[in-house]
N, C-alpha and C. Protein backbone atom coordinates (compact mmCIF):
# COMPACT_ATOMS: atom_id res chain seq x y z
N UNK A 1 -7.30 -4.74 -3.91
CA UNK A 1 -5.97 -4.21 -3.73
C UNK A 1 -4.91 -5.26 -4.04
N UNK A 2 -5.24 -6.52 -3.92
CA UNK A 2 -4.24 -7.55 -4.20
C UNK A 2 -3.77 -7.52 -5.65
N UNK A 3 -4.68 -7.23 -6.59
CA UNK A 3 -4.31 -7.29 -8.00
C UNK A 3 -3.77 -5.99 -8.54
N UNK A 4 -4.61 -5.00 -8.67
CA UNK A 4 -4.24 -3.73 -9.31
C UNK A 4 -4.07 -2.61 -8.30
N UNK A 5 -3.82 -2.94 -7.06
CA UNK A 5 -3.69 -1.91 -6.04
C UNK A 5 -2.33 -1.88 -5.40
N UNK A 6 -2.09 -0.80 -4.66
CA UNK A 6 -0.83 -0.71 -3.93
C UNK A 6 -1.06 -0.01 -2.61
N UNK A 7 -0.16 -0.25 -1.69
CA UNK A 7 -0.18 0.35 -0.37
C UNK A 7 1.22 0.88 -0.14
N UNK A 8 1.36 2.20 -0.04
CA UNK A 8 2.68 2.83 0.05
C UNK A 8 2.88 3.50 1.40
N UNK A 9 4.03 3.25 2.00
CA UNK A 9 4.42 3.91 3.24
C UNK A 9 5.37 5.03 2.84
N UNK A 10 4.99 6.28 3.04
CA UNK A 10 5.77 7.44 2.59
C UNK A 10 6.18 8.28 3.80
N UNK A 11 7.41 8.77 3.78
CA UNK A 11 7.84 9.64 4.87
C UNK A 11 8.78 10.72 4.37
N UNK A 12 8.79 11.81 5.10
CA UNK A 12 9.74 12.89 4.85
C UNK A 12 10.34 13.22 6.21
N UNK A 13 11.07 14.31 6.29
CA UNK A 13 11.72 14.64 7.56
C UNK A 13 10.72 14.99 8.65
N UNK A 14 9.51 15.43 8.27
CA UNK A 14 8.56 15.84 9.31
C UNK A 14 7.22 15.12 9.28
N UNK A 15 6.93 14.35 8.24
CA UNK A 15 5.63 13.70 8.16
C UNK A 15 5.76 12.24 7.75
N UNK A 16 4.69 11.50 7.99
CA UNK A 16 4.60 10.09 7.60
C UNK A 16 3.18 9.85 7.13
N UNK A 17 3.02 9.16 6.01
CA UNK A 17 1.67 8.86 5.54
C UNK A 17 1.64 7.49 4.87
N UNK A 18 0.44 6.95 4.80
CA UNK A 18 0.20 5.69 4.11
C UNK A 18 -0.83 5.98 3.03
N UNK A 19 -0.50 5.62 1.80
CA UNK A 19 -1.37 5.91 0.66
C UNK A 19 -1.81 4.59 0.03
N UNK A 20 -3.12 4.47 -0.20
CA UNK A 20 -3.67 3.30 -0.88
C UNK A 20 -4.09 3.74 -2.28
N UNK A 21 -3.86 2.89 -3.27
CA UNK A 21 -4.26 3.26 -4.63
C UNK A 21 -4.66 2.03 -5.43
N UNK A 22 -5.51 2.28 -6.42
CA UNK A 22 -5.93 1.27 -7.39
C UNK A 22 -5.63 1.85 -8.76
N UNK A 23 -5.21 1.02 -9.72
CA UNK A 23 -4.87 1.51 -11.05
C UNK A 23 -5.65 0.76 -12.12
N UNK A 24 -6.00 1.49 -13.17
CA UNK A 24 -6.67 0.93 -14.34
C UNK A 24 -6.20 1.71 -15.56
N UNK A 25 -6.36 1.14 -16.75
CA UNK A 25 -5.93 1.82 -17.95
C UNK A 25 -7.10 2.13 -18.87
N UNK A 26 -6.90 3.16 -19.71
CA UNK A 26 -7.86 3.51 -20.74
C UNK A 26 -9.09 4.23 -20.22
N UNK A 27 -9.93 4.62 -21.17
CA UNK A 27 -11.15 5.37 -20.84
C UNK A 27 -12.09 4.53 -19.97
N UNK A 28 -12.21 3.24 -20.28
CA UNK A 28 -13.08 2.37 -19.48
C UNK A 28 -12.55 2.25 -18.05
N UNK A 29 -11.23 2.18 -17.90
CA UNK A 29 -10.63 2.11 -16.57
C UNK A 29 -10.90 3.36 -15.76
N UNK A 30 -10.85 4.51 -16.43
CA UNK A 30 -11.14 5.78 -15.74
C UNK A 30 -12.59 5.81 -15.26
N UNK A 31 -13.50 5.33 -16.12
CA UNK A 31 -14.92 5.28 -15.75
C UNK A 31 -15.11 4.34 -14.56
N UNK A 32 -14.47 3.17 -14.60
CA UNK A 32 -14.57 2.20 -13.51
C UNK A 32 -14.07 2.80 -12.20
N UNK A 33 -12.91 3.47 -12.25
CA UNK A 33 -12.38 4.09 -11.03
C UNK A 33 -13.31 5.17 -10.51
N UNK A 34 -13.98 5.90 -11.41
CA UNK A 34 -14.97 6.90 -10.99
C UNK A 34 -16.14 6.25 -10.26
N UNK A 35 -16.57 5.09 -10.75
CA UNK A 35 -17.67 4.38 -10.09
C UNK A 35 -17.25 3.86 -8.72
N UNK A 36 -16.02 3.35 -8.62
CA UNK A 36 -15.50 2.90 -7.33
C UNK A 36 -15.40 4.08 -6.36
N UNK A 37 -14.94 5.22 -6.88
CA UNK A 37 -14.83 6.43 -6.06
C UNK A 37 -16.20 6.84 -5.51
N UNK A 38 -17.23 6.78 -6.34
CA UNK A 38 -18.59 7.12 -5.90
C UNK A 38 -19.04 6.15 -4.80
N UNK A 39 -18.77 4.87 -4.97
CA UNK A 39 -19.12 3.87 -3.95
C UNK A 39 -18.39 4.18 -2.65
N UNK A 40 -17.08 4.42 -2.74
CA UNK A 40 -16.30 4.73 -1.54
C UNK A 40 -16.84 5.98 -0.84
N UNK A 41 -17.16 7.02 -1.63
CA UNK A 41 -17.66 8.27 -1.04
C UNK A 41 -18.91 8.01 -0.21
N UNK A 42 -19.76 7.10 -0.69
CA UNK A 42 -20.97 6.74 0.05
C UNK A 42 -20.68 6.05 1.37
N UNK A 43 -19.45 5.56 1.53
CA UNK A 43 -19.04 4.90 2.77
C UNK A 43 -18.03 5.73 3.55
N UNK A 44 -17.94 7.01 3.22
CA UNK A 44 -17.07 7.92 3.97
C UNK A 44 -15.59 7.81 3.66
N UNK A 45 -15.26 7.24 2.49
CA UNK A 45 -13.86 7.10 2.09
C UNK A 45 -13.58 8.11 0.99
N UNK A 46 -12.72 9.08 1.29
CA UNK A 46 -12.38 10.13 0.32
C UNK A 46 -11.25 9.65 -0.59
N UNK A 47 -11.37 9.97 -1.88
CA UNK A 47 -10.36 9.55 -2.84
C UNK A 47 -10.33 10.51 -4.02
N UNK A 48 -9.31 10.35 -4.86
CA UNK A 48 -9.18 11.16 -6.07
C UNK A 48 -8.80 10.25 -7.23
N UNK A 49 -9.38 10.51 -8.41
CA UNK A 49 -8.98 9.81 -9.63
C UNK A 49 -8.02 10.72 -10.37
N UNK A 50 -6.81 10.23 -10.59
CA UNK A 50 -5.76 11.04 -11.21
C UNK A 50 -5.09 10.28 -12.34
N UNK A 51 -4.59 10.99 -13.36
CA UNK A 51 -3.78 10.30 -14.37
C UNK A 51 -2.50 9.81 -13.71
N UNK A 52 -2.05 8.64 -14.07
CA UNK A 52 -0.81 8.09 -13.50
C UNK A 52 0.36 8.95 -13.95
N UNK A 53 1.37 9.06 -13.11
CA UNK A 53 2.51 9.94 -13.39
C UNK A 53 3.38 9.48 -14.55
N UNK A 54 3.27 8.22 -14.95
CA UNK A 54 4.15 7.73 -16.01
C UNK A 54 3.88 8.49 -17.31
N UNK A 55 4.90 8.62 -18.13
CA UNK A 55 4.78 9.32 -19.40
C UNK A 55 3.92 8.49 -20.35
N UNK A 56 2.98 9.15 -21.02
CA UNK A 56 2.09 8.46 -21.95
C UNK A 56 2.88 8.07 -23.20
N UNK A 57 2.84 6.79 -23.56
CA UNK A 57 3.55 6.27 -24.73
C UNK A 57 2.56 6.04 -25.86
N UNK A 58 2.94 6.45 -27.07
CA UNK A 58 2.08 6.28 -28.23
C UNK A 58 1.70 4.80 -28.39
N UNK A 59 0.42 4.55 -28.58
CA UNK A 59 -0.04 3.18 -28.77
C UNK A 59 -0.43 2.47 -27.48
N UNK A 60 -0.11 3.08 -26.34
CA UNK A 60 -0.48 2.48 -25.06
C UNK A 60 -1.59 3.30 -24.42
N UNK A 61 -2.43 2.61 -23.67
CA UNK A 61 -3.53 3.31 -23.00
C UNK A 61 -3.00 4.13 -21.83
N UNK A 62 -3.64 5.25 -21.60
CA UNK A 62 -3.29 6.09 -20.46
C UNK A 62 -3.71 5.39 -19.18
N UNK A 63 -2.87 5.48 -18.16
CA UNK A 63 -3.15 4.86 -16.86
C UNK A 63 -3.78 5.89 -15.93
N UNK A 64 -4.68 5.40 -15.08
CA UNK A 64 -5.33 6.25 -14.07
C UNK A 64 -5.21 5.57 -12.71
N UNK A 65 -5.19 6.39 -11.68
CA UNK A 65 -5.09 5.90 -10.30
C UNK A 65 -6.22 6.47 -9.47
N UNK A 66 -6.79 5.62 -8.64
CA UNK A 66 -7.72 6.06 -7.59
C UNK A 66 -6.88 6.07 -6.32
N UNK A 67 -6.62 7.26 -5.76
CA UNK A 67 -5.72 7.39 -4.60
C UNK A 67 -6.49 7.80 -3.36
N UNK A 68 -6.17 7.14 -2.27
CA UNK A 68 -6.68 7.50 -0.96
C UNK A 68 -5.48 7.86 -0.11
N UNK A 69 -5.39 9.13 0.27
CA UNK A 69 -4.24 9.58 1.06
C UNK A 69 -4.65 10.10 2.42
N UNK A 70 -5.92 10.42 2.60
CA UNK A 70 -6.38 10.91 3.90
C UNK A 70 -6.38 9.75 4.89
N UNK A 71 -5.76 9.96 6.01
CA UNK A 71 -5.56 8.91 7.00
C UNK A 71 -6.83 8.16 7.35
N UNK A 72 -7.90 8.88 7.67
CA UNK A 72 -9.16 8.23 8.06
C UNK A 72 -9.72 7.37 6.93
N UNK A 73 -9.58 7.84 5.70
CA UNK A 73 -10.09 7.09 4.54
C UNK A 73 -9.29 5.81 4.31
N UNK A 74 -7.97 5.91 4.40
CA UNK A 74 -7.12 4.72 4.22
C UNK A 74 -7.43 3.71 5.31
N UNK A 75 -7.59 4.19 6.53
CA UNK A 75 -7.88 3.30 7.66
C UNK A 75 -9.22 2.59 7.47
N UNK A 76 -10.25 3.33 7.04
CA UNK A 76 -11.57 2.71 6.79
C UNK A 76 -11.48 1.65 5.69
N UNK A 77 -10.81 2.01 4.60
CA UNK A 77 -10.68 1.07 3.47
C UNK A 77 -9.97 -0.20 3.91
N UNK A 78 -8.84 -0.05 4.58
CA UNK A 78 -8.07 -1.24 4.97
C UNK A 78 -8.83 -2.10 5.97
N UNK A 79 -9.53 -1.47 6.89
CA UNK A 79 -10.32 -2.23 7.87
C UNK A 79 -11.36 -3.10 7.14
N UNK A 80 -11.93 -2.57 6.08
CA UNK A 80 -12.95 -3.32 5.32
C UNK A 80 -12.36 -4.44 4.45
N UNK A 81 -11.19 -4.20 3.86
CA UNK A 81 -10.68 -5.16 2.88
C UNK A 81 -9.70 -6.20 3.44
N UNK A 82 -9.14 -5.97 4.62
CA UNK A 82 -8.15 -6.91 5.17
C UNK A 82 -8.63 -8.37 5.16
N UNK A 83 -9.86 -8.66 5.54
CA UNK A 83 -10.27 -10.07 5.53
C UNK A 83 -10.24 -10.72 4.15
N UNK A 84 -10.28 -9.91 3.09
CA UNK A 84 -10.34 -10.45 1.73
C UNK A 84 -8.99 -10.45 1.03
N UNK A 85 -7.97 -9.86 1.64
CA UNK A 85 -6.65 -9.80 1.03
C UNK A 85 -5.91 -11.11 1.24
N UNK A 86 -5.16 -11.50 0.24
CA UNK A 86 -4.32 -12.69 0.36
C UNK A 86 -2.85 -12.32 0.23
N UNK A 87 -2.53 -11.50 -0.76
CA UNK A 87 -1.14 -11.17 -1.03
C UNK A 87 -0.65 -10.02 -0.15
N UNK A 88 -1.47 -9.02 0.02
CA UNK A 88 -1.06 -7.80 0.74
C UNK A 88 -1.66 -7.69 2.14
N UNK A 89 -2.14 -8.80 2.68
CA UNK A 89 -2.78 -8.76 3.99
C UNK A 89 -1.83 -8.29 5.09
N UNK A 90 -0.63 -8.82 5.14
CA UNK A 90 0.31 -8.46 6.20
C UNK A 90 0.67 -6.98 6.11
N UNK A 91 0.90 -6.50 4.89
CA UNK A 91 1.22 -5.07 4.72
C UNK A 91 0.05 -4.20 5.17
N UNK A 92 -1.18 -4.60 4.86
CA UNK A 92 -2.36 -3.84 5.30
C UNK A 92 -2.49 -3.88 6.82
N UNK A 93 -2.24 -5.04 7.42
CA UNK A 93 -2.29 -5.14 8.89
C UNK A 93 -1.20 -4.27 9.52
N UNK A 94 -0.02 -4.23 8.90
CA UNK A 94 1.05 -3.35 9.39
C UNK A 94 0.61 -1.89 9.35
N UNK A 95 -0.07 -1.51 8.28
CA UNK A 95 -0.56 -0.13 8.16
C UNK A 95 -1.57 0.19 9.26
N UNK A 96 -2.48 -0.74 9.52
CA UNK A 96 -3.48 -0.52 10.58
C UNK A 96 -2.81 -0.42 11.95
N UNK A 97 -1.79 -1.25 12.18
CA UNK A 97 -1.05 -1.16 13.45
C UNK A 97 -0.32 0.18 13.56
N UNK A 98 0.22 0.65 12.44
CA UNK A 98 0.90 1.94 12.43
C UNK A 98 -0.06 3.06 12.80
N UNK A 99 -1.27 3.02 12.25
CA UNK A 99 -2.26 4.04 12.60
C UNK A 99 -2.56 4.02 14.10
N UNK A 100 -2.60 2.82 14.67
CA UNK A 100 -2.90 2.71 16.10
C UNK A 100 -1.73 3.20 16.95
N UNK A 101 -0.52 2.87 16.54
CA UNK A 101 0.66 3.27 17.31
C UNK A 101 0.97 4.76 17.22
N UNK A 102 0.62 5.38 16.09
CA UNK A 102 0.94 6.78 15.87
C UNK A 102 -0.34 7.59 15.66
N UNK A 103 -0.99 7.99 16.74
CA UNK A 103 -2.22 8.79 16.60
C UNK A 103 -1.96 10.07 15.81
N UNK A 104 -2.98 10.51 15.09
CA UNK A 104 -2.83 11.64 14.18
C UNK A 104 -2.63 12.96 14.90
N UNK A 105 -3.40 13.20 15.95
CA UNK A 105 -3.38 14.52 16.56
C UNK A 105 -3.14 14.46 18.06
N UNK A 106 -2.67 15.55 18.57
CA UNK A 106 -2.53 15.70 20.01
C UNK A 106 -3.93 15.87 20.61
N UNK A 107 -4.08 15.62 21.91
CA UNK A 107 -5.40 15.81 22.53
C UNK A 107 -5.93 17.24 22.38
N UNK A 108 -5.02 18.23 22.28
CA UNK A 108 -5.48 19.62 22.13
C UNK A 108 -5.80 19.98 20.68
N UNK A 109 -5.67 19.02 19.77
CA UNK A 109 -6.02 19.25 18.38
C UNK A 109 -4.85 19.59 17.48
N UNK A 110 -3.67 19.83 18.02
CA UNK A 110 -2.50 20.15 17.20
C UNK A 110 -1.89 18.89 16.60
N UNK A 111 -1.01 19.08 15.63
CA UNK A 111 -0.36 17.96 14.97
C UNK A 111 0.86 17.50 15.75
N UNK A 112 1.10 16.20 15.77
CA UNK A 112 2.28 15.65 16.43
C UNK A 112 3.47 15.72 15.47
N UNK A 113 4.64 15.95 16.03
CA UNK A 113 5.86 15.92 15.22
C UNK A 113 6.35 14.48 15.13
N UNK A 114 7.27 14.23 14.23
CA UNK A 114 7.86 12.90 14.10
C UNK A 114 8.52 12.48 15.41
N UNK A 115 9.20 13.42 16.06
CA UNK A 115 9.87 13.13 17.33
C UNK A 115 8.85 12.74 18.42
N UNK A 116 7.72 13.45 18.47
CA UNK A 116 6.68 13.10 19.44
C UNK A 116 6.10 11.72 19.16
N UNK A 117 5.87 11.41 17.89
CA UNK A 117 5.35 10.08 17.53
C UNK A 117 6.34 8.98 17.91
N UNK A 118 7.62 9.23 17.70
CA UNK A 118 8.63 8.25 18.08
C UNK A 118 8.63 8.02 19.59
N UNK A 119 8.47 9.08 20.37
CA UNK A 119 8.40 8.96 21.83
C UNK A 119 7.17 8.14 22.24
N UNK A 120 6.03 8.36 21.56
CA UNK A 120 4.81 7.59 21.85
C UNK A 120 5.05 6.12 21.52
N UNK A 121 5.66 5.86 20.36
CA UNK A 121 5.94 4.49 19.95
C UNK A 121 6.81 3.79 21.00
N UNK A 122 7.86 4.46 21.44
CA UNK A 122 8.76 3.85 22.42
C UNK A 122 8.06 3.60 23.74
N UNK A 123 7.17 4.50 24.14
CA UNK A 123 6.46 4.29 25.41
C UNK A 123 5.41 3.18 25.31
N UNK A 124 4.89 2.93 24.08
CA UNK A 124 3.90 1.87 23.89
C UNK A 124 4.51 0.51 23.62
N UNK A 125 5.79 0.48 23.25
CA UNK A 125 6.45 -0.77 22.92
C UNK A 125 6.61 -1.63 24.16
N UNK A 126 6.36 -2.90 24.00
CA UNK A 126 6.51 -3.83 25.12
C UNK A 126 7.98 -4.22 25.25
N UNK A 127 8.50 -4.25 26.48
CA UNK A 127 9.89 -4.66 26.65
C UNK A 127 10.09 -6.12 26.23
N UNK A 128 11.24 -6.40 25.67
CA UNK A 128 11.57 -7.76 25.24
C UNK A 128 12.17 -8.49 26.43
N UNK A 129 11.57 -9.61 26.78
CA UNK A 129 12.10 -10.38 27.91
C UNK A 129 12.63 -11.72 27.39
N UNK A 130 13.66 -12.19 28.04
CA UNK A 130 14.28 -13.46 27.64
C UNK A 130 13.61 -14.64 28.28
C-alpha cells in the first residue's frame, strides 16, 4: 500500500467508509491484481478489480484498481499490513482506530446513524485534563 496503494476516508451526510485500493496499469497489471484478489479471498478479504475512473488516453496503458470497501475486509487488510507500512502507517492506524471508535452495527443488528456514532465517539473520548 505504501507504493501503489491508497487509503481513502469517504463520508456523506449519512454514511462514513474507509476504502483501500491498489493500482496497476496494462494487461499485466490487471492479471497481477487478479492474483492478489485471489490471495486476499483465501484470507477472507473481499475485493473487486475495476478499471480506473480516469479517461483512457491514446498511447497510455489502461489503469486498474483492486478496491476493498467492505469494512471487515479493509480492517483485516490493514491489521495485516500495518507492521510493514512506512509511509502510510499512521493513516492506516487512524483507520483502525476509527473502526474501533465507530462500531458498524447496533447490538440489535440495525445500522447506526452518523448522529449515533458521534454520540458514541463523544462518550468514549477521554476528557482532557490540564
